[in-house]
Amino acid sequence: MAKHDDVRSAPTTLLIIILFIVSIGYFAYSGYGIVNYMLSQTFSVVTDYSMLNFISGIITVLASIVVFIGCIYAWRLKSPVSNLMIYGSLGFILKNILEVFDVVVKLVQLDVVTRYNIMYASAEIGKNIFHTGFWIFVALFFSVQSFRDNLID
């Protein structure tokens, strides 16, 4: 049962705005990474981008599109928002898992591991764990019944 008053709470409105910005930023940054990897492979130029970065970039671009569309539905309080935000969040969680794996693989492939390498890997892993927590929050936020009760069918 949906209410038919188009009133979003302030936290919901703020989260939607943040997700609009995040989805656009991730789309642009990951799109750059995809093109960078493809061009580096085409012209045989060594860059810091690996095949895992390429795969996570594709997943991120797709998840960004899904979250962006979800934000449009959330702004209008339309029903498909919950599924879109859950699927988009799962895409971002998968991206974070791939990025952690990529950091560990790059660390293992080094001939000599320095303190800087350990600090960099720790920061990257910590960042991805934090981002994973954020996307779990987003998926839960948009899937709880109290949010779904405010949607317009």
N, C-alpha and C. Protein backbone atom coordinates (compact mmCIF):
# COMPACT_ATOMS: atom_id res chain seq x y z
N MET A 1 0.83 -1.18 0.00
CA MET A 1 0.00 0.00 0.00
C MET A 1 0.87 1.24 0.00
N ALA A 2 0.62 2.10 -0.90
CA ALA A 2 1.47 3.28 -1.03
C ALA A 2 0.69 4.54 -0.67
N LYS A 3 1.39 5.45 -0.03
CA LYS A 3 0.81 6.76 0.23
C LYS A 3 0.93 7.57 -1.05
N HIS A 4 0.05 8.49 -1.24
CA HIS A 4 0.10 9.27 -2.47
C HIS A 4 0.43 10.74 -2.22
N ASP A 5 1.20 10.98 -1.18
CA ASP A 5 1.71 12.33 -0.96
C ASP A 5 3.20 12.30 -1.28
N ASP A 6 3.62 13.18 -2.16
CA ASP A 6 5.00 13.20 -2.65
C ASP A 6 5.93 13.89 -1.66
N VAL A 7 5.97 13.41 -0.43
CA VAL A 7 6.81 14.03 0.58
C VAL A 7 7.93 13.06 0.94
N ARG A 8 9.14 13.48 0.66
CA ARG A 8 10.32 12.71 1.06
C ARG A 8 10.86 13.31 2.34
N SER A 9 11.40 12.47 3.18
CA SER A 9 12.04 12.99 4.39
C SER A 9 13.35 13.67 4.01
N ALA A 10 13.85 14.51 4.89
CA ALA A 10 15.11 15.21 4.62
C ALA A 10 16.27 14.24 4.45
N PRO A 11 16.40 13.21 5.30
CA PRO A 11 17.51 12.26 5.08
C PRO A 11 17.41 11.52 3.74
N THR A 12 16.19 11.18 3.34
CA THR A 12 16.01 10.50 2.04
C THR A 12 16.40 11.43 0.91
N THR A 13 15.96 12.67 0.97
CA THR A 13 16.30 13.65 -0.06
C THR A 13 17.82 13.85 -0.14
N LEU A 14 18.46 13.97 1.01
CA LEU A 14 19.91 14.16 1.05
C LEU A 14 20.63 12.93 0.45
N LEU A 15 20.19 11.74 0.82
CA LEU A 15 20.80 10.52 0.30
C LEU A 15 20.62 10.43 -1.22
N ILE A 16 19.46 10.78 -1.72
CA ILE A 16 19.22 10.75 -3.16
C ILE A 16 20.16 11.71 -3.88
N ILE A 17 20.32 12.92 -3.34
CA ILE A 17 21.22 13.90 -3.97
C ILE A 17 22.66 13.39 -3.95
N ILE A 18 23.08 12.83 -2.81
CA ILE A 18 24.43 12.27 -2.73
C ILE A 18 24.61 11.16 -3.75
N LEU A 19 23.62 10.30 -3.88
CA LEU A 19 23.72 9.18 -4.83
C LEU A 19 23.73 9.66 -6.29
N PHE A 20 22.99 10.74 -6.59
CA PHE A 20 23.07 11.33 -7.93
C PHE A 20 24.51 11.72 -8.24
N ILE A 21 25.11 12.45 -7.32
CA ILE A 21 26.48 12.94 -7.51
C ILE A 21 27.47 11.78 -7.59
N VAL A 22 27.34 10.82 -6.67
CA VAL A 22 28.25 9.67 -6.65
C VAL A 22 28.13 8.85 -7.93
N SER A 23 26.91 8.63 -8.41
CA SER A 23 26.73 7.82 -9.62
C SER A 23 27.34 8.51 -10.84
N ILE A 24 27.19 9.80 -10.94
CA ILE A 24 27.78 10.54 -12.06
C ILE A 24 29.31 10.51 -11.97
N GLY A 25 29.83 10.72 -10.76
CA GLY A 25 31.28 10.71 -10.58
C GLY A 25 31.89 9.35 -10.88
N TYR A 26 31.28 8.28 -10.36
CA TYR A 26 31.79 6.94 -10.64
C TYR A 26 31.69 6.59 -12.12
N PHE A 27 30.60 7.02 -12.77
CA PHE A 27 30.44 6.76 -14.20
C PHE A 27 31.59 7.39 -14.98
N ALA A 28 31.87 8.66 -14.69
CA ALA A 28 32.93 9.37 -15.41
C ALA A 28 34.31 8.77 -15.12
N TYR A 29 34.61 8.54 -13.85
CA TYR A 29 35.93 8.02 -13.47
C TYR A 29 36.15 6.61 -14.01
N SER A 30 35.15 5.75 -13.89
CA SER A 30 35.30 4.37 -14.37
C SER A 30 35.31 4.32 -15.89
N GLY A 31 34.54 5.19 -16.53
CA GLY A 31 34.59 5.27 -17.99
C GLY A 31 35.97 5.65 -18.47
N TYR A 32 36.61 6.58 -17.77
CA TYR A 32 37.99 6.96 -18.08
C TYR A 32 38.92 5.75 -17.93
N GLY A 33 38.74 4.99 -16.85
CA GLY A 33 39.58 3.82 -16.61
C GLY A 33 39.42 2.76 -17.68
N ILE A 34 38.19 2.57 -18.14
CA ILE A 34 37.93 1.59 -19.20
C ILE A 34 38.63 2.01 -20.48
N VAL A 35 38.46 3.27 -20.86
CA VAL A 35 39.09 3.77 -22.08
C VAL A 35 40.61 3.74 -21.95
N ASN A 36 41.12 4.10 -20.78
CA ASN A 36 42.56 4.08 -20.53
C ASN A 36 43.11 2.67 -20.73
N TYR A 37 42.45 1.68 -20.16
CA TYR A 37 42.91 0.30 -20.30
C TYR A 37 42.85 -0.15 -21.76
N MET A 38 41.75 0.14 -22.44
CA MET A 38 41.61 -0.28 -23.84
C MET A 38 42.67 0.36 -24.72
N LEU A 39 42.94 1.65 -24.52
CA LEU A 39 43.96 2.32 -25.31
C LEU A 39 45.36 1.80 -24.98
N SER A 40 45.61 1.52 -23.70
CA SER A 40 46.93 1.00 -23.34
C SER A 40 47.16 -0.38 -23.93
N GLN A 41 46.12 -1.18 -24.03
CA GLN A 41 46.25 -2.50 -24.64
C GLN A 41 46.39 -2.39 -26.16
N THR A 42 45.66 -1.46 -26.75
CA THR A 42 45.71 -1.27 -28.20
C THR A 42 47.09 -0.81 -28.65
N PHE A 43 47.69 0.13 -27.90
CA PHE A 43 48.97 0.70 -28.30
C PHE A 43 50.15 0.12 -27.52
N SER A 44 49.93 -0.96 -26.80
CA SER A 44 50.98 -1.65 -26.03
C SER A 44 51.77 -0.71 -25.12
N VAL A 45 51.04 0.08 -24.36
CA VAL A 45 51.63 1.00 -23.40
C VAL A 45 51.30 0.49 -22.01
N VAL A 46 52.31 0.44 -21.14
CA VAL A 46 52.11 -0.05 -19.78
C VAL A 46 51.51 1.07 -18.92
N THR A 47 50.40 0.76 -18.26
CA THR A 47 49.77 1.68 -17.31
C THR A 47 49.51 0.93 -16.01
N ASP A 48 48.97 1.61 -15.04
CA ASP A 48 48.64 0.98 -13.75
C ASP A 48 47.32 0.21 -13.81
N TYR A 49 46.63 0.26 -14.93
CA TYR A 49 45.33 -0.40 -15.03
C TYR A 49 45.51 -1.85 -15.46
N SER A 50 44.85 -2.74 -14.72
CA SER A 50 44.93 -4.17 -15.01
C SER A 50 43.60 -4.65 -15.57
N MET A 51 43.56 -5.92 -15.93
CA MET A 51 42.33 -6.51 -16.42
C MET A 51 41.25 -6.46 -15.34
N LEU A 52 41.64 -6.63 -14.07
CA LEU A 52 40.66 -6.52 -12.98
C LEU A 52 40.09 -5.11 -12.88
N ASN A 53 40.94 -4.10 -13.10
CA ASN A 53 40.45 -2.72 -13.13
C ASN A 53 39.46 -2.53 -14.26
N PHE A 54 39.74 -3.14 -15.40
CA PHE A 54 38.85 -3.04 -16.55
C PHE A 54 37.50 -3.67 -16.24
N ILE A 55 37.52 -4.86 -15.66
CA ILE A 55 36.27 -5.55 -15.32
C ILE A 55 35.50 -4.78 -14.25
N SER A 56 36.20 -4.32 -13.23
CA SER A 56 35.51 -3.55 -12.18
C SER A 56 35.00 -2.22 -12.74
N GLY A 57 35.70 -1.67 -13.73
CA GLY A 57 35.23 -0.45 -14.38
C GLY A 57 33.93 -0.65 -15.11
N ILE A 58 33.82 -1.76 -15.82
CA ILE A 58 32.57 -2.06 -16.53
C ILE A 58 31.43 -2.26 -15.53
N ILE A 59 31.71 -3.00 -14.47
CA ILE A 59 30.69 -3.22 -13.43
C ILE A 59 30.28 -1.89 -12.81
N THR A 60 31.25 -1.02 -12.57
CA THR A 60 30.97 0.28 -11.96
C THR A 60 30.13 1.16 -12.87
N VAL A 61 30.44 1.17 -14.15
CA VAL A 61 29.65 1.97 -15.09
C VAL A 61 28.21 1.48 -15.12
N LEU A 62 28.03 0.16 -15.18
CA LEU A 62 26.67 -0.40 -15.19
C LEU A 62 25.94 -0.09 -13.87
N ALA A 63 26.64 -0.26 -12.75
CA ALA A 63 26.02 0.02 -11.45
C ALA A 63 25.69 1.51 -11.33
N SER A 64 26.53 2.37 -11.88
CA SER A 64 26.26 3.81 -11.85
C SER A 64 25.00 4.16 -12.61
N ILE A 65 24.83 3.54 -13.75
CA ILE A 65 23.62 3.78 -14.54
C ILE A 65 22.39 3.32 -13.77
N VAL A 66 22.47 2.14 -13.17
CA VAL A 66 21.34 1.60 -12.41
C VAL A 66 21.01 2.50 -11.21
N VAL A 67 22.03 2.95 -10.48
CA VAL A 67 21.79 3.82 -9.33
C VAL A 67 21.25 5.18 -9.79
N PHE A 68 21.76 5.71 -10.89
CA PHE A 68 21.25 6.98 -11.41
C PHE A 68 19.77 6.88 -11.75
N ILE A 69 19.40 5.81 -12.44
CA ILE A 69 17.98 5.59 -12.76
C ILE A 69 17.18 5.39 -11.48
N GLY A 70 17.77 4.66 -10.51
CA GLY A 70 17.12 4.49 -9.22
C GLY A 70 16.89 5.80 -8.51
N CYS A 71 17.84 6.73 -8.63
CA CYS A 71 17.67 8.05 -8.02
C CYS A 71 16.50 8.81 -8.64
N ILE A 72 16.36 8.68 -9.94
CA ILE A 72 15.22 9.34 -10.60
C ILE A 72 13.91 8.77 -10.07
N TYR A 73 13.83 7.45 -9.95
CA TYR A 73 12.63 6.83 -9.40
C TYR A 73 12.45 7.19 -7.92
N ALA A 74 13.54 7.27 -7.17
CA ALA A 74 13.44 7.62 -5.75
C ALA A 74 12.94 9.05 -5.59
N TRP A 75 13.41 9.94 -6.46
CA TRP A 75 12.97 11.34 -6.38
C TRP A 75 11.47 11.45 -6.62
N ARG A 76 10.98 10.60 -7.51
CA ARG A 76 9.54 10.60 -7.83
C ARG A 76 8.75 9.63 -6.96
N LEU A 77 9.46 8.92 -6.05
CA LEU A 77 8.86 7.93 -5.16
C LEU A 77 8.12 6.84 -5.93
N LYS A 78 8.72 6.36 -7.00
CA LYS A 78 8.12 5.30 -7.81
C LYS A 78 8.62 3.93 -7.36
N SER A 79 7.81 2.92 -7.57
CA SER A 79 8.05 1.57 -7.05
C SER A 79 9.37 0.91 -7.45
N PRO A 80 9.86 1.00 -8.67
CA PRO A 80 11.06 0.22 -9.00
C PRO A 80 12.33 0.63 -8.26
N VAL A 81 12.27 1.70 -7.47
CA VAL A 81 13.48 2.23 -6.84
C VAL A 81 14.18 1.20 -5.96
N SER A 82 13.44 0.42 -5.20
CA SER A 82 14.07 -0.52 -4.26
C SER A 82 14.94 -1.53 -4.99
N ASN A 83 14.40 -2.17 -6.02
CA ASN A 83 15.17 -3.15 -6.78
C ASN A 83 16.36 -2.52 -7.48
N LEU A 84 16.18 -1.35 -8.05
CA LEU A 84 17.29 -0.68 -8.74
C LEU A 84 18.41 -0.35 -7.77
N MET A 85 18.07 0.17 -6.60
CA MET A 85 19.11 0.53 -5.63
C MET A 85 19.80 -0.71 -5.07
N ILE A 86 19.06 -1.78 -4.89
CA ILE A 86 19.68 -3.02 -4.39
C ILE A 86 20.64 -3.57 -5.44
N TYR A 87 20.20 -3.65 -6.70
CA TYR A 87 21.07 -4.17 -7.76
C TYR A 87 22.27 -3.26 -8.00
N GLY A 88 22.05 -1.95 -7.99
CA GLY A 88 23.16 -1.02 -8.14
C GLY A 88 24.16 -1.14 -7.00
N SER A 89 23.65 -1.26 -5.79
CA SER A 89 24.53 -1.43 -4.63
C SER A 89 25.33 -2.72 -4.73
N LEU A 90 24.69 -3.79 -5.16
CA LEU A 90 25.40 -5.07 -5.33
C LEU A 90 26.51 -4.94 -6.36
N GLY A 91 26.26 -4.18 -7.42
CA GLY A 91 27.30 -3.93 -8.42
C GLY A 91 28.49 -3.21 -7.82
N PHE A 92 28.21 -2.20 -7.00
CA PHE A 92 29.31 -1.46 -6.36
C PHE A 92 30.04 -2.32 -5.33
N ILE A 93 29.32 -3.17 -4.63
CA ILE A 93 29.96 -4.08 -3.67
C ILE A 93 30.89 -5.04 -4.41
N LEU A 94 30.42 -5.57 -5.54
CA LEU A 94 31.27 -6.45 -6.36
C LEU A 94 32.51 -5.71 -6.84
N LYS A 95 32.34 -4.45 -7.24
CA LYS A 95 33.48 -3.62 -7.66
C LYS A 95 34.49 -3.49 -6.54
N ASN A 96 34.01 -3.24 -5.32
CA ASN A 96 34.91 -3.09 -4.17
C ASN A 96 35.66 -4.39 -3.88
N ILE A 97 34.98 -5.51 -3.99
CA ILE A 97 35.64 -6.80 -3.76
C ILE A 97 36.73 -7.02 -4.81
N LEU A 98 36.43 -6.71 -6.07
CA LEU A 98 37.43 -6.86 -7.13
C LEU A 98 38.62 -5.92 -6.90
N GLU A 99 38.36 -4.71 -6.42
CA GLU A 99 39.46 -3.78 -6.18
C GLU A 99 40.35 -4.24 -5.03
N VAL A 100 39.77 -4.83 -3.98
CA VAL A 100 40.59 -5.37 -2.90
C VAL A 100 41.45 -6.51 -3.43
N PHE A 101 40.84 -7.39 -4.21
CA PHE A 101 41.58 -8.50 -4.81
C PHE A 101 42.72 -7.98 -5.69
N ASP A 102 42.45 -6.93 -6.48
CA ASP A 102 43.46 -6.36 -7.37
C ASP A 102 44.62 -5.77 -6.57
N VAL A 103 44.34 -5.10 -5.46
CA VAL A 103 45.39 -4.53 -4.62
C VAL A 103 46.29 -5.64 -4.08
N VAL A 104 45.66 -6.73 -3.62
CA VAL A 104 46.44 -7.85 -3.06
C VAL A 104 47.28 -8.51 -4.15
N VAL A 105 46.70 -8.70 -5.34
CA VAL A 105 47.45 -9.30 -6.45
C VAL A 105 48.65 -8.44 -6.82
N LYS A 106 48.46 -7.13 -6.92
CA LYS A 106 49.57 -6.24 -7.25
C LYS A 106 50.65 -6.26 -6.17
N LEU A 107 50.24 -6.37 -4.91
CA LEU A 107 51.20 -6.43 -3.81
C LEU A 107 52.02 -7.72 -3.87
N VAL A 108 51.36 -8.82 -4.17
CA VAL A 108 52.04 -10.12 -4.25
C VAL A 108 53.01 -10.16 -5.43
N GLN A 109 52.70 -9.46 -6.51
CA GLN A 109 53.53 -9.48 -7.71
C GLN A 109 54.79 -8.63 -7.60
N LEU A 110 54.90 -7.82 -6.57
CA LEU A 110 56.09 -6.98 -6.41
C LEU A 110 57.30 -7.82 -6.05
N ASP A 111 58.45 -7.45 -6.60
CA ASP A 111 59.69 -8.14 -6.25
C ASP A 111 60.09 -7.84 -4.81
N VAL A 112 60.01 -6.56 -4.45
CA VAL A 112 60.35 -6.12 -3.10
C VAL A 112 59.16 -5.31 -2.58
N VAL A 113 58.63 -5.72 -1.46
CA VAL A 113 57.51 -5.01 -0.85
C VAL A 113 58.07 -4.03 0.17
N THR A 114 57.76 -2.76 -0.03
CA THR A 114 58.26 -1.72 0.86
C THR A 114 57.16 -1.29 1.84
N ARG A 115 57.57 -0.49 2.79
CA ARG A 115 56.60 0.05 3.75
C ARG A 115 55.54 0.87 3.03
N TYR A 116 55.95 1.63 2.03
CA TYR A 116 55.00 2.42 1.25
C TYR A 116 53.97 1.51 0.57
N ASN A 117 54.41 0.39 0.01
CA ASN A 117 53.48 -0.54 -0.64
C ASN A 117 52.44 -1.07 0.35
N ILE A 118 52.88 -1.39 1.55
CA ILE A 118 51.98 -1.89 2.59
C ILE A 118 50.99 -0.80 3.00
N MET A 119 51.49 0.42 3.18
CA MET A 119 50.62 1.53 3.58
C MET A 119 49.59 1.82 2.48
N TYR A 120 50.04 1.80 1.23
CA TYR A 120 49.12 2.05 0.11
C TYR A 120 48.06 0.96 0.04
N ALA A 121 48.48 -0.30 0.15
CA ALA A 121 47.53 -1.42 0.08
C ALA A 121 46.55 -1.35 1.24
N SER A 122 47.03 -1.02 2.43
CA SER A 122 46.15 -0.90 3.60
C SER A 122 45.10 0.18 3.40
N ALA A 123 45.54 1.32 2.88
CA ALA A 123 44.61 2.43 2.63
C ALA A 123 43.57 2.04 1.59
N GLU A 124 44.00 1.39 0.52
CA GLU A 124 43.06 0.98 -0.53
C GLU A 124 42.06 -0.05 -0.02
N ILE A 125 42.54 -1.01 0.75
CA ILE A 125 41.65 -2.03 1.31
C ILE A 125 40.67 -1.39 2.29
N GLY A 126 41.16 -0.51 3.14
CA GLY A 126 40.29 0.20 4.08
C GLY A 126 39.24 1.03 3.37
N LYS A 127 39.65 1.73 2.32
CA LYS A 127 38.71 2.55 1.54
C LYS A 127 37.62 1.68 0.94
N ASN A 128 38.00 0.53 0.40
CA ASN A 128 37.01 -0.35 -0.22
C ASN A 128 36.08 -0.99 0.81
N ILE A 129 36.59 -1.27 2.00
CA ILE A 129 35.72 -1.80 3.06
C ILE A 129 34.71 -0.73 3.48
N PHE A 130 35.17 0.52 3.61
CA PHE A 130 34.26 1.62 3.94
C PHE A 130 33.19 1.80 2.86
N HIS A 131 33.61 1.79 1.60
CA HIS A 131 32.65 1.94 0.50
C HIS A 131 31.66 0.78 0.47
N THR A 132 32.13 -0.43 0.76
CA THR A 132 31.23 -1.58 0.83
C THR A 132 30.17 -1.36 1.90
N GLY A 133 30.58 -0.86 3.06
CA GLY A 133 29.63 -0.55 4.12
C GLY A 133 28.60 0.48 3.68
N PHE A 134 29.04 1.50 2.95
CA PHE A 134 28.12 2.51 2.45
C PHE A 134 27.08 1.89 1.52
N TRP A 135 27.54 1.03 0.60
CA TRP A 135 26.59 0.44 -0.35
C TRP A 135 25.65 -0.56 0.31
N ILE A 136 26.11 -1.21 1.36
CA ILE A 136 25.20 -2.07 2.14
C ILE A 136 24.13 -1.20 2.80
N PHE A 137 24.55 -0.06 3.34
CA PHE A 137 23.59 0.87 3.93
C PHE A 137 22.56 1.33 2.90
N VAL A 138 23.02 1.69 1.71
CA VAL A 138 22.11 2.15 0.65
C VAL A 138 21.11 1.05 0.30
N ALA A 139 21.59 -0.17 0.12
CA ALA A 139 20.69 -1.28 -0.23
C ALA A 139 19.66 -1.50 0.88
N LEU A 140 20.11 -1.46 2.12
CA LEU A 140 19.18 -1.66 3.24
C LEU A 140 18.19 -0.50 3.37
N PHE A 141 18.69 0.72 3.18
CA PHE A 141 17.84 1.90 3.32
C PHE A 141 16.67 1.84 2.35
N PHE A 142 16.95 1.49 1.10
CA PHE A 142 15.89 1.49 0.10
C PHE A 142 15.07 0.21 0.09
N SER A 143 15.46 -0.78 0.87
CA SER A 143 14.70 -2.03 0.90
C SER A 143 13.82 -2.18 2.14
N VAL A 144 13.99 -1.31 3.14
CA VAL A 144 13.17 -1.44 4.35
C VAL A 144 11.72 -1.08 4.06
N GLN A 145 10.83 -1.71 4.79
CA GLN A 145 9.41 -1.55 4.54
C GLN A 145 8.93 -0.11 4.76
N SER A 146 9.50 0.59 5.73
CA SER A 146 9.04 1.95 6.00
C SER A 146 9.30 2.88 4.80
N PHE A 147 10.39 2.64 4.06
CA PHE A 147 10.63 3.42 2.85
C PHE A 147 9.67 2.99 1.75
N ARG A 148 9.49 1.68 1.59
CA ARG A 148 8.62 1.15 0.55
C ARG A 148 7.17 1.59 0.73
N ASP A 149 6.75 1.81 1.96
CA ASP A 149 5.37 2.24 2.23
C ASP A 149 5.08 3.62 1.67
N ASN A 150 6.12 4.43 1.42
CA ASN A 150 5.92 5.79 0.90
C ASN A 150 5.94 5.85 -0.62
N LEU A 151 6.14 4.71 -1.28
CA LEU A 151 6.24 4.72 -2.74
C LEU A 151 4.87 4.77 -3.40
N ILE A 152 4.87 5.37 -4.58
CA ILE A 152 3.65 5.46 -5.38
C ILE A 152 3.72 4.34 -6.41
N ASP A 153 2.68 3.54 -6.47
CA ASP A 153 2.68 2.41 -7.42
C ASP A 153 2.56 2.85 -8.86
